[in-house]
Protein backbone atom coordinates (compact mmCIF):
# COMPACT_ATOMS: atom_id res chain seq x y z
CA UNK A 1 58.04 -3.17 377.78
CA UNK A 2 56.32 -2.21 374.68
CA UNK A 3 57.55 -4.61 371.83
CA UNK A 4 55.71 -5.27 368.53
CA UNK A 5 52.29 -4.60 368.06
CA UNK A 6 52.29 -4.76 364.05
CA UNK A 7 48.91 -6.09 363.69
CA UNK A 8 47.14 -6.10 360.50
CA UNK A 9 43.58 -7.44 359.31
CA UNK A 10 45.12 -10.40 357.62
CA UNK A 11 47.52 -10.94 360.49
CA UNK A 12 44.51 -11.45 362.68
CA UNK A 13 42.64 -13.56 360.52
CA UNK A 14 45.43 -16.42 360.32
CA UNK A 15 45.49 -16.02 364.05
CA UNK A 16 41.90 -16.38 364.75
CA UNK A 17 42.57 -19.58 362.36
CA UNK A 18 45.00 -20.98 364.18
CA UNK A 19 43.09 -20.77 367.15
CA UNK A 20 40.14 -22.65 365.73
CA UNK A 21 42.73 -25.48 365.17
CA UNK A 22 43.94 -26.12 367.88
CA UNK A 23 44.05 -24.56 371.32
CA UNK A 24 46.60 -26.51 372.73
CA UNK A 25 50.40 -27.39 371.52
CA UNK A 26 50.93 -28.33 368.11
CA UNK A 27 53.07 -31.32 369.81
CA UNK A 28 52.46 -34.66 368.74
CA UNK A 29 50.93 -35.47 371.72
CA UNK A 30 48.01 -32.84 371.18
CA UNK A 31 48.86 -31.85 375.02
CA UNK A 32 48.39 -35.04 376.03
CA UNK A 33 50.76 -36.17 378.97
CA UNK A 34 54.25 -37.40 378.03
CA UNK A 35 55.98 -39.91 379.86
CA UNK A 36 59.85 -38.91 380.55
CA UNK A 37 62.86 -40.02 382.20
CA UNK A 38 63.12 -38.26 385.88
CA UNK A 39 65.74 -35.40 386.59
CA UNK A 40 68.95 -36.16 388.83
CA UNK A 41 67.92 -35.74 392.45
CA UNK A 42 69.66 -32.40 392.47
CA UNK A 43 67.18 -31.05 390.34
CA UNK A 44 63.73 -32.55 391.20
CA UNK A 45 61.67 -29.51 392.78
CA UNK A 46 58.70 -31.82 393.81
CA UNK A 47 57.93 -31.25 397.71
CA UNK A 48 60.80 -27.58 397.64
CA UNK A 49 58.54 -26.18 394.82
CA UNK A 50 55.00 -25.08 394.46
CA UNK A 51 53.42 -27.84 392.41
CA UNK A 52 52.53 -25.53 389.20
CA UNK A 53 55.74 -22.75 389.09
CA UNK A 54 54.03 -19.83 388.18
CA UNK A 55 56.04 -17.42 386.23
CA UNK A 56 54.20 -13.51 385.06
CA UNK A 57 55.93 -13.03 381.53
CA UNK A 58 56.59 -8.82 380.65
CA UNK A 59 54.68 -9.31 377.09
CA UNK A 60 53.50 -11.88 374.77
CA UNK A 61 56.14 -15.10 374.56
CA UNK A 62 58.90 -14.42 372.53
CA UNK A 63 62.94 -15.14 371.81
CA UNK A 64 64.16 -13.39 374.71
CA UNK A 65 62.58 -15.16 377.27
CA UNK A 66 63.90 -18.29 375.44
CA UNK A 67 65.49 -20.38 378.34
CA UNK A 68 61.93 -20.37 379.96
CA UNK A 69 60.68 -21.99 377.30
CA UNK A 70 63.57 -24.83 376.87
CA UNK A 71 62.15 -25.52 380.36
CA UNK A 72 58.54 -26.46 379.23
CA UNK A 73 58.39 -29.98 378.33
CA UNK A 74 56.54 -32.12 375.81
CA UNK A 75 52.60 -32.61 376.23
CA UNK A 76 52.15 -28.81 377.16
CA UNK A 77 48.75 -26.73 376.67
CA UNK A 78 48.09 -23.36 375.48
CA UNK A 79 45.04 -21.75 377.40
CA UNK A 80 44.10 -19.05 375.10
CA UNK A 81 41.51 -17.94 377.33
CA UNK A 82 44.27 -17.40 380.25
CA UNK A 83 46.85 -16.50 377.73
CA UNK A 84 48.82 -19.06 379.55
CA UNK A 85 51.26 -22.47 378.53
CA UNK A 86 51.57 -25.23 381.27
CA UNK A 87 53.33 -28.18 380.84
CA UNK A 88 56.42 -30.23 382.79
CA UNK A 89 59.27 -28.21 383.94
CA UNK A 90 62.26 -29.82 382.71
CA UNK A 91 65.75 -29.74 383.12
CA UNK A 92 67.59 -31.00 380.08
CA UNK A 93 64.99 -32.78 378.68
CA UNK A 94 64.28 -34.12 382.02
CA UNK A 95 61.27 -34.16 384.69
CA UNK A 96 61.67 -32.18 388.18
CA UNK A 97 58.48 -33.51 389.23
CA UNK A 98 56.42 -29.97 388.72
CA UNK A 99 54.61 -28.05 386.56
CA UNK A 100 55.39 -24.40 384.75
CA UNK A 101 53.30 -22.39 384.06
CA UNK A 102 54.23 -18.85 382.06
CA UNK A 103 51.63 -16.31 381.91
CA UNK A 104 51.67 -13.31 379.03
CA UNK A 105 52.25 -10.42 380.06
CA UNK A 106 51.06 -6.71 378.58
CA UNK A 107 47.67 -6.25 377.13
CA UNK A 108 46.88 -9.95 379.00
CA UNK A 109 47.27 -8.40 382.07
CA UNK A 110 45.72 -4.93 381.42
CA UNK A 111 48.97 -4.12 380.89
CA UNK A 112 49.93 -4.30 384.49
CA UNK A 113 53.27 -3.99 385.95
CA UNK A 114 54.92 -7.76 386.93
CA UNK A 115 56.32 -6.26 390.61
CA UNK A 116 51.71 -5.76 391.26
CA UNK A 117 51.28 -8.98 389.65
CA UNK A 118 53.40 -10.90 391.95
CA UNK A 119 51.59 -8.56 395.13
CA UNK A 120 47.91 -9.39 394.31
CA UNK A 121 48.05 -13.01 392.72
CA UNK A 122 49.96 -15.33 395.43
CA UNK A 123 49.91 -18.16 392.86
CA UNK A 124 52.78 -16.09 390.93
CA UNK A 125 55.87 -17.39 391.60
CA UNK A 126 58.45 -15.71 389.93
CA UNK A 127 58.30 -12.38 387.10
CA UNK A 128 60.04 -11.11 384.86
CA UNK A 129 61.39 -7.38 384.92
CA UNK A 130 64.38 -5.46 383.81
CA UNK A 131 67.25 -4.13 386.02
CA UNK A 132 65.89 -0.43 386.30
CA UNK A 133 62.22 -1.96 387.34
CA UNK A 134 63.06 -3.63 389.77
CA UNK A 135 65.31 -0.81 391.31
CA UNK A 136 61.77 1.61 390.77
CA UNK A 137 59.56 -1.23 392.31
CA UNK A 138 61.23 -0.82 395.60
CA UNK A 139 59.81 1.64 396.64
CA UNK A 140 56.09 -0.08 397.16
CA UNK A 141 56.50 -3.29 395.29
CA UNK A 142 60.30 -4.55 396.67
CA UNK A 143 61.07 -7.57 394.13
CA UNK A 144 64.67 -8.98 394.63
CA UNK A 145 66.34 -10.58 390.90
CA UNK A 146 67.79 -14.21 391.34
CA UNK A 147 69.14 -14.54 388.32
CA UNK A 148 69.43 -12.92 384.87
CA UNK A 149 68.49 -13.94 381.55
CA UNK A 150 69.38 -11.22 379.22
CA UNK A 151 73.54 -9.75 380.37
CA UNK A 152 72.01 -6.31 378.66
CA UNK A 153 69.37 -4.77 377.90
CA UNK A 154 68.53 -4.95 374.64
CA UNK A 155 66.70 -1.81 374.51
CA UNK A 156 67.70 0.63 371.35
CA UNK A 157 67.11 4.11 369.50
CA UNK A 158 66.21 3.75 366.14
CA UNK A 159 66.56 5.91 363.03
CA UNK A 160 65.84 5.87 359.74
CA UNK A 161 69.45 6.04 357.84
CA UNK A 162 68.57 7.59 354.54
CA UNK A 163 66.59 10.95 356.48
CA UNK A 164 69.70 11.17 359.00
CA UNK A 165 72.69 9.78 357.29
CA UNK A 166 74.80 11.82 359.51
CA UNK A 167 73.90 9.53 362.86
CA UNK A 168 76.05 6.91 364.25
CA UNK A 169 75.18 7.60 367.81
CA UNK A 170 72.79 8.52 370.74
CA UNK A 171 74.88 11.65 370.88
CA UNK A 172 73.74 12.25 367.64
CA UNK A 173 70.31 12.14 367.96
CA UNK A 174 70.91 14.17 371.29
CA UNK A 175 72.87 16.87 369.15
CA UNK A 176 70.30 16.98 365.95
CA UNK A 177 67.20 18.26 368.76
CA UNK A 178 64.86 15.69 366.60
CA UNK A 179 61.72 14.46 368.40
CA UNK A 180 62.45 10.92 370.27
CA UNK A 181 59.45 9.17 370.66
CA UNK A 182 59.51 6.78 373.87
CA UNK A 183 56.74 4.84 376.10
CA UNK A 184 56.00 6.86 378.90
CA UNK A 185 56.83 3.81 381.35
CA UNK A 186 60.57 3.46 380.16
CA UNK A 187 63.00 4.65 382.82
CA UNK A 188 65.80 5.02 380.72
CA UNK A 189 65.01 8.42 378.94
CA UNK A 190 65.40 10.16 382.27
CA UNK A 191 69.22 8.60 382.21
CA UNK A 192 69.53 9.90 378.73
CA UNK A 193 68.27 13.37 379.82
CA UNK A 194 70.11 13.28 383.16
CA UNK A 195 73.31 12.00 381.23
CA UNK A 196 73.48 15.66 378.91
CA UNK A 197 73.02 13.19 375.84
CA UNK A 198 69.28 14.09 374.60
CA UNK A 199 67.50 17.09 375.95
CA UNK A 200 64.11 17.02 378.06
CA UNK A 201 62.26 18.85 375.59
CA UNK A 202 63.15 16.27 372.67
CA UNK A 203 61.54 14.13 374.69
CA UNK A 204 57.65 12.76 373.22
CA UNK A 205 56.05 9.65 375.44
CA UNK A 206 53.52 8.99 373.18
CA UNK A 207 54.67 5.54 371.82
CA UNK A 208 51.86 2.93 371.80
CA UNK A 209 54.31 0.24 369.69
CA UNK A 210 52.63 0.72 366.60
CA UNK A 211 54.85 1.29 363.10
CA UNK A 212 52.55 4.29 362.08
CA UNK A 213 54.29 7.48 363.50
CA UNK A 214 57.82 6.50 362.84
CA UNK A 215 56.42 5.20 359.05
CA UNK A 216 54.85 8.48 358.11
CA UNK A 217 57.45 10.99 359.99
CA UNK A 218 61.29 9.16 359.34
CA UNK A 219 63.10 11.93 360.86
CA UNK A 220 61.89 11.33 364.01
CA UNK A 221 64.11 8.75 366.22
CA UNK A 222 62.14 5.99 367.90
CA UNK A 223 62.49 3.18 370.73
CA UNK A 224 62.89 -0.31 370.67
CA UNK A 225 64.41 -3.80 371.20
CA UNK A 226 67.20 -4.78 368.92
CA UNK A 227 65.61 -8.09 368.88
CA UNK A 228 62.18 -7.02 367.84
CA UNK A 229 62.12 -3.61 365.92
CA UNK A 230 64.68 -4.10 363.58
CA UNK A 231 63.89 -7.04 361.68
CA UNK A 232 60.17 -6.66 362.01
CA UNK A 233 60.55 -2.49 360.36
CA UNK A 234 62.36 -4.78 357.56
CA UNK A 235 60.53 -7.60 356.97
CA UNK A 236 56.94 -7.05 357.82
CA UNK A 237 55.86 -3.96 358.21
CA UNK A 238 54.54 -3.73 354.85
CA UNK A 239 54.79 0.29 354.76
CA UNK A 240 58.08 0.07 355.89
CA UNK A 241 60.05 -2.92 354.15
CA UNK A 242 63.63 -1.72 354.43
CA UNK A 243 66.22 -1.41 357.26
CA UNK A 244 66.28 1.21 359.97
CA UNK A 245 69.57 1.96 362.07
CA UNK A 246 70.06 1.84 365.70
CA UNK A 247 72.18 1.94 368.44
CA UNK A 248 72.11 -0.18 372.15
CA UNK A 249 71.61 2.23 374.97
CA UNK A 250 73.57 -0.02 376.82
CA UNK A 251 76.27 1.27 374.78
CA UNK A 252 75.83 5.05 376.19
CA UNK A 253 76.90 3.15 379.62
CA UNK A 254 73.07 2.34 380.65
CA UNK A 255 74.55 -1.03 382.56
CA UNK A 256 71.55 -3.27 383.47
CA UNK A 257 70.91 -6.43 383.54
CA UNK A 258 67.35 -7.47 381.76
CA UNK A 259 64.81 -9.83 382.20
CA UNK A 260 65.85 -10.46 385.52
CA UNK A 261 63.79 -13.29 387.24
CA UNK A 262 62.40 -12.20 390.69
CA UNK A 263 60.31 -12.58 393.47
CA UNK A 264 58.85 -11.08 396.01
CA UNK A 265 61.16 -9.68 398.52
CA UNK A 266 58.81 -11.51 401.69
CA UNK A 267 58.74 -14.54 399.92
CA UNK A 268 62.44 -15.22 399.23
CA UNK A 269 62.96 -16.96 402.45
CA UNK A 270 60.20 -19.05 402.34
CA UNK A 271 61.00 -20.08 398.49
CA UNK A 272 64.35 -20.33 399.29
CA UNK A 273 64.71 -24.23 399.22
CA UNK A 274 63.14 -23.99 395.63
CA UNK A 275 65.30 -21.17 394.38
CA UNK A 276 68.40 -23.27 395.55
CA UNK A 277 67.55 -25.64 393.08
CA UNK A 278 65.39 -23.75 390.25
CA UNK A 279 67.51 -21.19 389.78
CA UNK A 280 70.59 -23.47 388.42
CA UNK A 281 67.77 -24.95 386.23
CA UNK A 282 67.09 -21.80 384.85
CA UNK A 283 70.78 -20.48 384.31
CA UNK A 284 71.30 -23.91 382.07
CA UNK A 285 68.31 -23.55 380.03
CA UNK A 286 69.60 -19.95 379.61
CA UNK A 287 72.83 -21.80 378.33
CA UNK A 288 71.25 -24.59 376.49
CA UNK A 289 68.42 -22.16 374.54
CA UNK A 290 71.15 -19.87 373.00
CA UNK A 291 73.39 -23.14 371.98
CA UNK A 292 70.66 -24.56 370.44
CA UNK A 293 67.21 -22.34 370.48
CA UNK A 294 65.30 -24.38 367.62
CA UNK A 295 63.31 -26.07 369.97
CA UNK A 296 62.21 -23.57 372.06
CA UNK A 297 61.49 -21.01 369.33
CA UNK A 298 59.38 -23.54 367.71
CA UNK A 299 57.48 -23.25 371.06
CA UNK A 300 57.12 -19.69 371.30
CA UNK A 301 55.68 -19.77 367.67
CA UNK A 302 53.39 -22.60 368.26
CA UNK A 303 51.90 -20.54 371.56
CA UNK A 304 51.80 -17.38 369.61
CA UNK A 305 49.83 -18.35 366.57
CA UNK A 306 47.45 -20.23 369.43
CA UNK A 307 46.03 -16.87 371.00
CA UNK A 308 44.26 -14.33 368.37
CA UNK A 309 45.50 -11.49 370.71
CA UNK A 310 49.07 -12.07 370.06
CA UNK A 311 50.90 -10.06 367.91
CA UNK A 312 52.14 -12.82 365.05
CA UNK A 313 55.35 -13.94 365.72
CA UNK A 314 57.49 -16.05 362.66
CA UNK A 315 60.18 -18.98 363.14
CA UNK A 316 62.30 -16.59 360.82
CA UNK A 317 61.60 -13.95 363.51
CA UNK A 318 62.34 -15.88 366.52
CA UNK A 319 65.50 -17.22 364.98
CA UNK A 320 66.55 -13.85 363.68
CA UNK A 321 66.22 -12.77 367.67
CA UNK A 322 68.21 -15.42 368.68
CA UNK A 323 71.09 -14.90 366.75
CA UNK A 324 70.56 -11.07 367.28
CA UNK A 325 71.02 -12.31 370.92
CA UNK A 326 74.21 -13.26 370.43
CA UNK A 327 75.94 -11.43 368.09
CA UNK A 328 75.17 -8.34 370.25
CA UNK A 329 76.64 -9.55 373.18
CA UNK A 330 73.06 -9.69 375.06
CA UNK A 331 73.39 -12.99 376.60
CA UNK A 332 76.95 -13.59 377.16
CA UNK A 333 79.16 -15.06 380.16
CA UNK A 334 80.21 -12.95 383.06
CA UNK A 335 84.19 -11.87 383.90
CA UNK A 336 84.60 -15.30 385.55
CA UNK A 337 82.67 -17.48 382.58
CA UNK A 338 79.20 -17.58 384.67
CA UNK A 339 75.96 -17.29 382.90
CA UNK A 340 73.21 -15.61 384.51
CA UNK A 341 75.18 -14.67 387.49
CA UNK A 342 75.42 -10.96 388.95
CA UNK A 343 78.46 -8.80 389.48
CA UNK A 344 78.00 -6.82 392.58
CA UNK A 345 79.85 -3.96 391.06
CA UNK A 346 77.64 -3.35 388.18
CA UNK A 347 74.38 -3.78 390.22
CA UNK A 348 75.32 -1.34 392.93
CA UNK A 349 76.65 1.16 390.29
CA UNK A 350 73.24 1.18 388.47
CA UNK A 351 71.53 1.04 391.34
CA UNK A 352 73.82 4.38 392.44
CA UNK A 353 72.79 5.64 389.04
CA UNK A 354 69.26 5.12 388.94
CA UNK A 355 67.75 6.06 392.64
CA UNK A 356 68.54 10.04 392.67
CA UNK A 357 66.51 10.33 388.62
CA UNK A 358 63.49 7.90 390.20
CA UNK A 359 63.61 9.96 393.22
CA UNK A 360 63.39 12.83 391.39
CA UNK A 361 60.87 12.11 389.49
CA UNK A 362 59.16 11.52 393.21
CA UNK A 363 59.95 7.72 393.36
CA UNK A 364 60.04 8.00 396.93
CA UNK A 365 62.93 5.15 396.72
CA UNK A 366 64.36 4.26 400.52
CA UNK A 367 67.79 5.55 401.34
CA UNK A 368 70.37 2.97 401.40
CA UNK A 369 69.29 0.99 398.98
CA UNK A 370 72.00 -1.37 397.59
CA UNK A 371 72.50 -3.57 394.62
CA UNK A 372 73.21 -6.83 396.47
CA UNK A 373 69.85 -6.41 398.47
CA UNK A 374 67.87 -5.76 394.94
CA UNK A 375 70.15 -8.67 392.77
CA UNK A 376 71.10 -11.72 394.85
CA UNK A 377 73.66 -13.76 394.38
CA UNK A 378 72.21 -16.31 397.28
CA UNK A 379 71.10 -19.15 394.82
CA UNK A 380 73.30 -19.38 391.44
CA UNK A 381 75.58 -21.39 390.35
CA UNK A 382 78.75 -20.08 389.08
CA UNK A 383 79.94 -23.41 387.40
CA UNK A 384 77.21 -22.71 384.39
CA UNK A 385 78.53 -21.12 382.03
CA UNK A 386 78.28 -20.98 377.87
CA UNK A 387 81.28 -22.80 376.11
């Protein structure tokens, strides 16, 4: 996942100033411990979970991870050297008896994959991975999804409506033979090619997240995320400063769960007592975040401002992202009214579609791979939903 890498000298200077002012939270406690009421007995994690529940993020903090920041209680401290934040893990604002540490990914871990971090660092309890990455990792670093933060992927292809007034869908891009600029680690471009929606010759895998290519050549199509690039290009990329048009790749049938909370496959049973209590907390935190995102968004913006290595992330951008997740249907209940659960038909279908594509590229995925093996319904609570 390569979201925003839009940085200017002025932005770096502003972020650096933020770091010099505070390497901890902007909470009134200044990072000091805060007395919290205890969570309910079934939400007490002490003794069943690690004392410090460590989560490896895919990238820097942003609103599509809002459920996790909803679980970060007051008195949290940002460690700008470790690119992490640690505080009490809360359920509905109440203390569960353990700490939560959220570690940034991407450049903060040398662009290593989340699955690799789970396998090289035993201190990491869970990670965030998109559904196609979960399938791809099954060959050598198998992980199991225990709950998705997003029902659908926010991945898009975007274009300049002035350069292409006749484009309405990704199919139109394919028919045009225009260059489609994506990053080399993405899986969905190969799926689009396999479905005949774009031609392989159209793919340019040099995308590095910077806006310069698109600004300089607006006739291309480019990857992005619905909750990131459309806002950034219109409001923060000074060289562009106008709307872009886009279509979600999921609307073409790329039906994966996004931002799955995953654990190493060989640790599922050992972590089961913890996951039985923790996963419903994550589910409910996702509901609470999308219902009232302002407090968690403030934490996200605060953490980004305290680390000069992060791309600046404003309160307006965080708010727009949270709204986009809802308006585009990327966070929503399943058919049974539950939130953060898996539809086994969807997971099986996505595995069935992706395995041949990945193996054609030499992935070496094992035969007989099934959706329920990679996306477990074991710990989710189907009574939790958005109402």
